[in-house]
C-alpha atoms as a PDB file:
ATOM      1  CA  UNK A   1     216.404  99.914 204.490  1.00  0.00           C
ATOM      2  CA  UNK A   2     215.695  97.051 206.864  1.00  0.00           C
ATOM      3  CA  UNK A   3     215.290  93.313 206.234  1.00  0.00           C
ATOM      4  CA  UNK A   4     212.367  92.893 208.879  1.00  0.00           C
ATOM      5  CA  UNK A   5     209.289  90.950 207.205  1.00  0.00           C
ATOM      6  CA  UNK A   6     206.112  92.495 206.701  1.00  0.00           C
ATOM      7  CA  UNK A   7     202.943  91.097 208.671  1.00  0.00           C
ATOM      8  CA  UNK A   8     201.334  88.650 205.981  1.00  0.00           C
ATOM      9  CA  UNK A   9     198.495  88.165 208.220  1.00  0.00           C
ATOM     10  CA  UNK A  10     198.061  91.609 209.087  1.00  0.00           C
ATOM     11  CA  UNK A  11     195.199  93.532 208.618  1.00  0.00           C
ATOM     12  CA  UNK A  12     196.641  95.874 205.819  1.00  0.00           C
ATOM     13  CA  UNK A  13     197.725  94.707 202.391  1.00  0.00           C
ATOM     14  CA  UNK A  14     201.168  93.830 202.013  1.00  0.00           C
ATOM     15  CA  UNK A  15     201.390  96.560 199.449  1.00  0.00           C
ATOM     16  CA  UNK A  16     199.932  99.323 201.987  1.00  0.00           C
ATOM     17  CA  UNK A  17     202.548  98.128 204.548  1.00  0.00           C
ATOM     18  CA  UNK A  18     205.487  98.439 202.310  1.00  0.00           C
ATOM     19  CA  UNK A  19     204.339 101.605 201.476  1.00  0.00           C
ATOM     20  CA  UNK A  20     204.033 102.950 204.677  1.00  0.00           C
ATOM     21  CA  UNK A  21     207.846 101.412 205.745  1.00  0.00           C
ATOM     22  CA  UNK A  22     208.808 103.394 202.558  1.00  0.00           C
ATOM     23  CA  UNK A  23     207.337 106.354 203.698  1.00  0.00           C
ATOM     24  CA  UNK A  24     208.642 106.232 206.907  1.00  0.00           C
ATOM     25  CA  UNK A  25     212.139 105.501 205.652  1.00  0.00           C
ATOM     26  CA  UNK A  26     211.901 108.475 203.609  1.00  0.00           C
ATOM     27  CA  UNK A  27     210.775 110.850 206.423  1.00  0.00           C
ATOM     28  CA  UNK A  28     213.762 109.349 208.848  1.00  0.00           C
ATOM     29  CA  UNK A  29     216.361 110.364 206.077  1.00  0.00           C
ATOM     30  CA  UNK A  30     217.258 106.774 204.915  1.00  0.00           C
ATOM     31  CA  UNK A  31     216.325 108.175 201.646  1.00  0.00           C
ATOM     32  CA  UNK A  32     217.064 111.901 201.091  1.00  0.00           C
ATOM     33  CA  UNK A  33     215.109 114.116 198.706  1.00  0.00           C
ATOM     34  CA  UNK A  34     216.232 113.510 195.316  1.00  0.00           C
ATOM     35  CA  UNK A  35     218.181 110.174 196.324  1.00  0.00           C
ATOM     36  CA  UNK A  36     217.261 107.141 194.137  1.00  0.00           C
ATOM     37  CA  UNK A  37     215.386 104.377 196.379  1.00  0.00           C
ATOM     38  CA  UNK A  38     216.622 100.554 195.942  1.00  0.00           C
ATOM     39  CA  UNK A  39     215.441  98.275 192.896  1.00  0.00           C
ATOM     40  CA  UNK A  40     212.447  96.441 192.951  1.00  0.00           C
ATOM     41  CA  UNK A  41     214.201  93.184 193.254  1.00  0.00           C
ATOM     42  CA  UNK A  42     216.397  94.674 196.331  1.00  0.00           C
ATOM     43  CA  UNK A  43     213.223  95.606 197.791  1.00  0.00           C
ATOM     44  CA  UNK A  44     211.772  92.213 197.181  1.00  0.00           C
ATOM     45  CA  UNK A  45     214.575  90.445 198.684  1.00  0.00           C
ATOM     46  CA  UNK A  46     214.548  92.721 202.052  1.00  0.00           C
ATOM     47  CA  UNK A  47     210.744  92.615 202.859  1.00  0.00           C
ATOM     48  CA  UNK A  48     210.116  88.955 201.354  1.00  0.00           C
ATOM     49  CA  UNK A  49     207.464  90.592 198.811  1.00  0.00           C
ATOM     50  CA  UNK A  50     206.486  89.877 195.150  1.00  0.00           C
ATOM     51  CA  UNK A  51     207.684  92.135 192.557  1.00  0.00           C
ATOM     52  CA  UNK A  52     203.729  92.726 191.912  1.00  0.00           C
ATOM     53  CA  UNK A  53     203.290  93.773 195.711  1.00  0.00           C
ATOM     54  CA  UNK A  54     206.529  96.395 195.198  1.00  0.00           C
ATOM     55  CA  UNK A  55     205.180  97.852 191.942  1.00  0.00           C
ATOM     56  CA  UNK A  56     201.847  98.598 193.422  1.00  0.00           C
ATOM     57  CA  UNK A  57     203.544 100.485 196.788  1.00  0.00           C
ATOM     58  CA  UNK A  58     205.880 102.294 194.298  1.00  0.00           C
ATOM     59  CA  UNK A  59     203.026 103.177 192.078  1.00  0.00           C
ATOM     60  CA  UNK A  60     201.003 104.489 194.901  1.00  0.00           C
ATOM     61  CA  UNK A  61     203.986 106.840 196.079  1.00  0.00           C
ATOM     62  CA  UNK A  62     204.459 108.092 192.808  1.00  0.00           C
ATOM     63  CA  UNK A  63     200.661 109.067 192.407  1.00  0.00           C
ATOM     64  CA  UNK A  64     200.719 110.573 195.913  1.00  0.00           C
ATOM     65  CA  UNK A  65     204.121 112.728 194.727  1.00  0.00           C
ATOM     66  CA  UNK A  66     206.623 111.417 196.807  1.00  0.00           C
ATOM     67  CA  UNK A  67     208.360 109.293 194.571  1.00  0.00           C
ATOM     68  CA  UNK A  68     209.484 110.058 190.726  1.00  0.00           C
ATOM     69  CA  UNK A  69     210.325 107.489 188.073  1.00  0.00           C
ATOM     70  CA  UNK A  70     212.907 108.359 185.483  1.00  0.00           C
ATOM     71  CA  UNK A  71     213.279 106.289 182.718  1.00  0.00           C
ATOM     72  CA  UNK A  72     216.607 104.241 182.489  1.00  0.00           C
ATOM     73  CA  UNK A  73     217.554 105.322 185.857  1.00  0.00           C
ATOM     74  CA  UNK A  74     215.195 104.213 188.591  1.00  0.00           C
ATOM     75  CA  UNK A  75     213.053 105.371 191.071  1.00  0.00           C
ATOM     76  CA  UNK A  76     213.974 108.838 193.188  1.00  0.00           C
ATOM     77  CA  UNK A  77     212.642 110.455 196.456  1.00  0.00           C
ATOM     78  CA  UNK A  78     210.567 113.738 194.831  1.00  0.00           C
ATOM     79  CA  UNK A  79     212.451 117.131 195.780  1.00  0.00           C
ATOM     80  CA  UNK A  80     209.705 119.615 195.519  1.00  0.00           C
ATOM     81  CA  UNK A  81     208.746 119.901 199.242  1.00  0.00           C
ATOM     82  CA  UNK A  82     207.301 123.081 200.603  1.00  0.00           C
ATOM     83  CA  UNK A  83     210.142 124.866 202.387  1.00  0.00           C
ATOM     84  CA  UNK A  84     210.154 127.133 205.995  1.00  0.00           C
ATOM     85  CA  UNK A  85     212.999 128.627 207.271  1.00  0.00           C
ATOM     86  CA  UNK A  86     212.898 128.519 211.221  1.00  0.00           C
ATOM     87  CA  UNK A  87     215.329 131.348 211.540  1.00  0.00           C
ATOM     88  CA  UNK A  88     212.852 133.670 210.422  1.00  0.00           C
ATOM     89  CA  UNK A  89     208.790 134.145 211.322  1.00  0.00           C
ATOM     90  CA  UNK A  90     207.072 132.631 208.310  1.00  0.00           C
ATOM     91  CA  UNK A  91     203.962 131.211 207.611  1.00  0.00           C
ATOM     92  CA  UNK A  92     202.679 128.465 205.441  1.00  0.00           C
ATOM     93  CA  UNK A  93     201.340 130.946 203.078  1.00  0.00           C
ATOM     94  CA  UNK A  94     204.652 132.371 202.750  1.00  0.00           C
ATOM     95  CA  UNK A  95     206.066 128.947 202.137  1.00  0.00           C
ATOM     96  CA  UNK A  96     203.348 128.211 199.576  1.00  0.00           C
ATOM     97  CA  UNK A  97     203.888 131.654 198.082  1.00  0.00           C
ATOM     98  CA  UNK A  98     207.456 131.121 197.468  1.00  0.00           C
ATOM     99  CA  UNK A  99     207.037 128.300 195.203  1.00  0.00           C
ATOM    100  CA  UNK A 100     204.331 129.984 193.260  1.00  0.00           C
ATOM    101  CA  UNK A 101     201.723 127.900 194.895  1.00  0.00           C
ATOM    102  CA  UNK A 102     198.388 128.814 196.363  1.00  0.00           C
ATOM    103  CA  UNK A 103     197.580 128.191 200.025  1.00  0.00           C
ATOM    104  CA  UNK A 104     194.161 127.728 201.688  1.00  0.00           C
ATOM    105  CA  UNK A 105     192.648 126.880 205.257  1.00  0.00           C
ATOM    106  CA  UNK A 106     189.588 124.970 206.264  1.00  0.00           C
ATOM    107  CA  UNK A 107     188.522 125.330 209.856  1.00  0.00           C
ATOM    108  CA  UNK A 108     187.794 122.340 211.678  1.00  0.00           C
ATOM    109  CA  UNK A 109     186.896 123.450 214.687  1.00  0.00           C
ATOM    110  CA  UNK A 110     186.862 126.768 216.737  1.00  0.00           C
ATOM    111  CA  UNK A 111     185.753 128.070 220.188  1.00  0.00           C
ATOM    112  CA  UNK A 112     186.663 129.022 223.964  1.00  0.00           C
ATOM    113  CA  UNK A 113     188.425 126.697 226.278  1.00  0.00           C
ATOM    114  CA  UNK A 114     189.107 126.867 229.874  1.00  0.00           C
ATOM    115  CA  UNK A 115     193.286 127.562 230.369  1.00  0.00           C
ATOM    116  CA  UNK A 116     195.246 124.413 230.983  1.00  0.00           C
ATOM    117  CA  UNK A 117     198.605 124.691 232.764  1.00  0.00           C
ATOM    118  CA  UNK A 118     200.692 124.239 230.088  1.00  0.00           C
ATOM    119  CA  UNK A 119     198.448 127.606 228.533  1.00  0.00           C
ATOM    120  CA  UNK A 120     199.463 129.410 231.738  1.00  0.00           C
ATOM    121  CA  UNK A 121     203.182 128.616 230.872  1.00  0.00           C
ATOM    122  CA  UNK A 122     203.169 129.414 227.170  1.00  0.00           C
ATOM    123  CA  UNK A 123     200.804 131.841 226.892  1.00  0.00           C
ATOM    124  CA  UNK A 124     201.339 133.554 230.179  1.00  0.00           C
ATOM    125  CA  UNK A 125     197.570 133.772 231.168  1.00  0.00           C
ATOM    126  CA  UNK A 126     196.187 133.621 234.673  1.00  0.00           C
ATOM    127  CA  UNK A 127     194.273 130.366 236.226  1.00  0.00           C
ATOM    128  CA  UNK A 128     190.693 130.654 235.465  1.00  0.00           C
ATOM    129  CA  UNK A 129     190.895 132.296 232.201  1.00  0.00           C
ATOM    130  CA  UNK A 130     190.168 131.234 228.757  1.00  0.00           C
ATOM    131  CA  UNK A 131     191.985 130.783 225.394  1.00  0.00           C
ATOM    132  CA  UNK A 132     190.729 130.797 221.951  1.00  0.00           C
ATOM    133  CA  UNK A 133     191.326 127.527 219.995  1.00  0.00           C
ATOM    134  CA  UNK A 134     191.337 127.138 216.041  1.00  0.00           C
ATOM    135  CA  UNK A 135     192.111 123.847 214.574  1.00  0.00           C
ATOM    136  CA  UNK A 136     192.389 124.275 210.599  1.00  0.00           C
ATOM    137  CA  UNK A 137     193.818 122.292 207.852  1.00  0.00           C
ATOM    138  CA  UNK A 138     196.364 123.813 205.979  1.00  0.00           C
ATOM    139  CA  UNK A 139     196.191 123.049 201.871  1.00  0.00           C
ATOM    140  CA  UNK A 140     198.493 123.608 199.085  1.00  0.00           C
ATOM    141  CA  UNK A 141     197.053 123.586 195.609  1.00  0.00           C
ATOM    142  CA  UNK A 142     194.039 122.258 197.367  1.00  0.00           C
ATOM    143  CA  UNK A 143     196.094 119.470 198.929  1.00  0.00           C
ATOM    144  CA  UNK A 144     196.413 118.733 202.565  1.00  0.00           C
ATOM    145  CA  UNK A 145     199.662 119.198 203.917  1.00  0.00           C
ATOM    146  CA  UNK A 146     199.075 119.786 207.881  1.00  0.00           C
ATOM    147  CA  UNK A 147     196.651 120.062 210.445  1.00  0.00           C
ATOM    148  CA  UNK A 148     197.267 122.831 212.919  1.00  0.00           C
ATOM    149  CA  UNK A 149     195.670 123.461 216.276  1.00  0.00           C
ATOM    150  CA  UNK A 150     196.532 127.313 217.531  1.00  0.00           C
ATOM    151  CA  UNK A 151     195.456 128.659 221.015  1.00  0.00           C
ATOM    152  CA  UNK A 152     195.340 131.950 221.747  1.00  0.00           C
ATOM    153  CA  UNK A 153     195.058 134.362 225.050  1.00  0.00           C
ATOM    154  CA  UNK A 154     191.306 135.345 225.069  1.00  0.00           C
ATOM    155  CA  UNK A 155     192.313 139.154 223.948  1.00  0.00           C
ATOM    156  CA  UNK A 156     192.427 137.900 220.210  1.00  0.00           C
ATOM    157  CA  UNK A 157     188.598 136.886 220.585  1.00  0.00           C
ATOM    158  CA  UNK A 158     188.261 139.026 217.334  1.00  0.00           C
ATOM    159  CA  UNK A 159     189.601 135.950 215.258  1.00  0.00           C
ATOM    160  CA  UNK A 160     186.389 133.718 216.295  1.00  0.00           C
ATOM    161  CA  UNK A 161     184.661 136.224 213.796  1.00  0.00           C
ATOM    162  CA  UNK A 162     187.175 136.069 211.218  1.00  0.00           C
ATOM    163  CA  UNK A 163     187.705 134.735 207.909  1.00  0.00           C
ATOM    164  CA  UNK A 164     189.903 132.146 208.897  1.00  0.00           C
ATOM    165  CA  UNK A 165     190.320 130.347 205.271  1.00  0.00           C
ATOM    166  CA  UNK A 166     193.547 133.107 204.965  1.00  0.00           C
ATOM    167  CA  UNK A 167     196.703 133.092 206.805  1.00  0.00           C
ATOM    168  CA  UNK A 168     196.562 133.773 210.514  1.00  0.00           C
ATOM    169  CA  UNK A 169     199.193 136.110 210.221  1.00  0.00           C
ATOM    170  CA  UNK A 170     198.269 138.174 207.553  1.00  0.00           C
ATOM    171  CA  UNK A 171     195.125 138.703 209.303  1.00  0.00           C
ATOM    172  CA  UNK A 172     196.780 139.635 212.838  1.00  0.00           C
ATOM    173  CA  UNK A 173     198.914 142.072 210.640  1.00  0.00           C
ATOM    174  CA  UNK A 174     195.886 143.914 209.605  1.00  0.00           C
ATOM    175  CA  UNK A 175     195.150 144.551 213.574  1.00  0.00           C
ATOM    176  CA  UNK A 176     198.482 145.715 213.930  1.00  0.00           C
ATOM    177  CA  UNK A 177     199.764 142.657 215.596  1.00  0.00           C
ATOM    178  CA  UNK A 178     203.281 141.543 214.071  1.00  0.00           C
ATOM    179  CA  UNK A 179     204.769 137.927 215.321  1.00  0.00           C
ATOM    180  CA  UNK A 180     208.510 138.516 215.788  1.00  0.00           C
ATOM    181  CA  UNK A 181     210.077 135.851 217.479  1.00  0.00           C
ATOM    182  CA  UNK A 182     209.204 131.851 217.977  1.00  0.00           C
ATOM    183  CA  UNK A 183     210.297 129.143 219.958  1.00  0.00           C
ATOM    184  CA  UNK A 184     210.337 125.771 218.292  1.00  0.00           C
ATOM    185  CA  UNK A 185     210.515 122.375 218.780  1.00  0.00           C
ATOM    186  CA  UNK A 186     210.559 119.434 216.085  1.00  0.00           C
ATOM    187  CA  UNK A 187     209.785 116.035 216.659  1.00  0.00           C
ATOM    188  CA  UNK A 188     208.700 112.575 214.577  1.00  0.00           C
ATOM    189  CA  UNK A 189     205.349 111.486 215.715  1.00  0.00           C
ATOM    190  CA  UNK A 190     202.628 109.500 214.278  1.00  0.00           C
ATOM    191  CA  UNK A 191     199.089 110.080 212.897  1.00  0.00           C
ATOM    192  CA  UNK A 192     196.050 110.214 215.234  1.00  0.00           C
ATOM    193  CA  UNK A 193     192.540 109.234 214.002  1.00  0.00           C
ATOM    194  CA  UNK A 194     191.986 112.882 213.673  1.00  0.00           C
ATOM    195  CA  UNK A 195     195.096 113.786 211.716  1.00  0.00           C
ATOM    196  CA  UNK A 196     194.145 110.606 209.429  1.00  0.00           C
ATOM    197  CA  UNK A 197     190.392 111.709 208.711  1.00  0.00           C
ATOM    198  CA  UNK A 198     191.943 115.260 207.594  1.00  0.00           C
ATOM    199  CA  UNK A 199     195.541 114.554 206.250  1.00  0.00           C
ATOM    200  CA  UNK A 200     194.492 111.408 204.357  1.00  0.00           C
ATOM    201  CA  UNK A 201     197.355 109.694 205.884  1.00  0.00           C
ATOM    202  CA  UNK A 202     197.448 106.042 207.127  1.00  0.00           C
ATOM    203  CA  UNK A 203     196.666 105.584 211.086  1.00  0.00           C
ATOM    204  CA  UNK A 204     200.505 105.447 212.628  1.00  0.00           C
ATOM    205  CA  UNK A 205     201.911 106.869 209.908  1.00  0.00           C
ATOM    206  CA  UNK A 206     205.249 108.976 210.767  1.00  0.00           C
ATOM    207  CA  UNK A 207     204.721 112.863 210.657  1.00  0.00           C
ATOM    208  CA  UNK A 208     206.594 115.839 211.300  1.00  0.00           C
ATOM    209  CA  UNK A 209     205.497 117.679 214.598  1.00  0.00           C
ATOM    210  CA  UNK A 210     206.061 121.155 215.073  1.00  0.00           C
ATOM    211  CA  UNK A 211     205.416 122.929 218.577  1.00  0.00           C
ATOM    212  CA  UNK A 212     206.072 126.331 218.666  1.00  0.00           C
ATOM    213  CA  UNK A 213     205.365 129.290 221.028  1.00  0.00           C
ATOM    214  CA  UNK A 214     205.304 132.735 219.110  1.00  0.00           C
ATOM    215  CA  UNK A 215     206.062 136.407 220.523  1.00  0.00           C
ATOM    216  CA  UNK A 216     204.578 139.640 219.079  1.00  0.00           C
ATOM    217  CA  UNK A 217     206.217 142.618 218.516  1.00  0.00           C
ATOM    218  CA  UNK A 218     205.938 143.619 222.099  1.00  0.00           C
ATOM    219  CA  UNK A 219     207.433 140.468 223.072  1.00  0.00           C
ATOM    220  CA  UNK A 220     204.098 139.164 224.280  1.00  0.00           C
ATOM    221  CA  UNK A 221     202.800 135.937 223.760  1.00  0.00           C
ATOM    222  CA  UNK A 222     201.083 135.553 220.801  1.00  0.00           C
ATOM    223  CA  UNK A 223     199.801 131.914 220.517  1.00  0.00           C
ATOM    224  CA  UNK A 224     201.185 128.544 220.770  1.00  0.00           C
ATOM    225  CA  UNK A 225     200.655 125.723 218.029  1.00  0.00           C
ATOM    226  CA  UNK A 226     200.980 122.096 217.363  1.00  0.00           C
ATOM    227  CA  UNK A 227     201.141 121.369 213.641  1.00  0.00           C
ATOM    228  CA  UNK A 228     201.008 117.714 211.883  1.00  0.00           C
ATOM    229  CA  UNK A 229     203.037 118.168 209.078  1.00  0.00           C
ATOM    230  CA  UNK A 230     203.578 115.487 206.079  1.00  0.00           C
ATOM    231  CA  UNK A 231     206.993 115.026 205.499  1.00  0.00           C
ATOM    232  CA  UNK A 232     206.564 114.480 202.174  1.00  0.00           C
ATOM    233  CA  UNK A 233     205.346 117.696 200.979  1.00  0.00           C
ATOM    234  CA  UNK A 234     206.695 120.206 203.502  1.00  0.00           C
ATOM    235  CA  UNK A 235     210.379 120.461 205.245  1.00  0.00           C
ATOM    236  CA  UNK A 236     212.218 122.885 207.544  1.00  0.00           C
ATOM    237  CA  UNK A 237     215.610 124.797 207.273  1.00  0.00           C
ATOM    238  CA  UNK A 238     217.024 125.309 210.588  1.00  0.00           C
END
């Protein structure tokens, strides 16, 4: 927690500014999962706001499932996030199933695009070729958790006609294609307008960003993806 005052003349209400500050602190590990956050009075003193403002910010975070209140004990960071072990190739659907929850997907856009220089490097495709880009929102129990953009070599054109409201990996396995290895890069980024629209986050809210290049069982590039992930709903084990 820091004592930088909120922008009292800012465009966003004070409670919303405080809510975003607390979210970002949780994502940064200032308040770990299962840990207790400071008292209402401590937050009032740190951010120079009223108790009403603090209570409104905390209530919204509780309603989002990011915080939980325990009577007589205080307010704690929720500890029921989906988890993915990056030492193994697992899908978002696998992570949901492991917790007895239901995964689904909504296609935002799909189509072919000219290969970019990074596609040539990551996917091994030649200059002048095309790649298939699939943008989807991934949901757990109907709640948006991540926005993903996957780019495939043109040989996977059959995906354009497939039912993409399911796990891509399950679909690929039906065609004898098995993801076997991945190179990951995790960073902390911020919500863009597109991400805000589909995940329901605030603009410039901190998110986890996962970039990964996945290889198939022949060690050939399968796809490259970028995922914008709500850190209050998902965590990684390395």
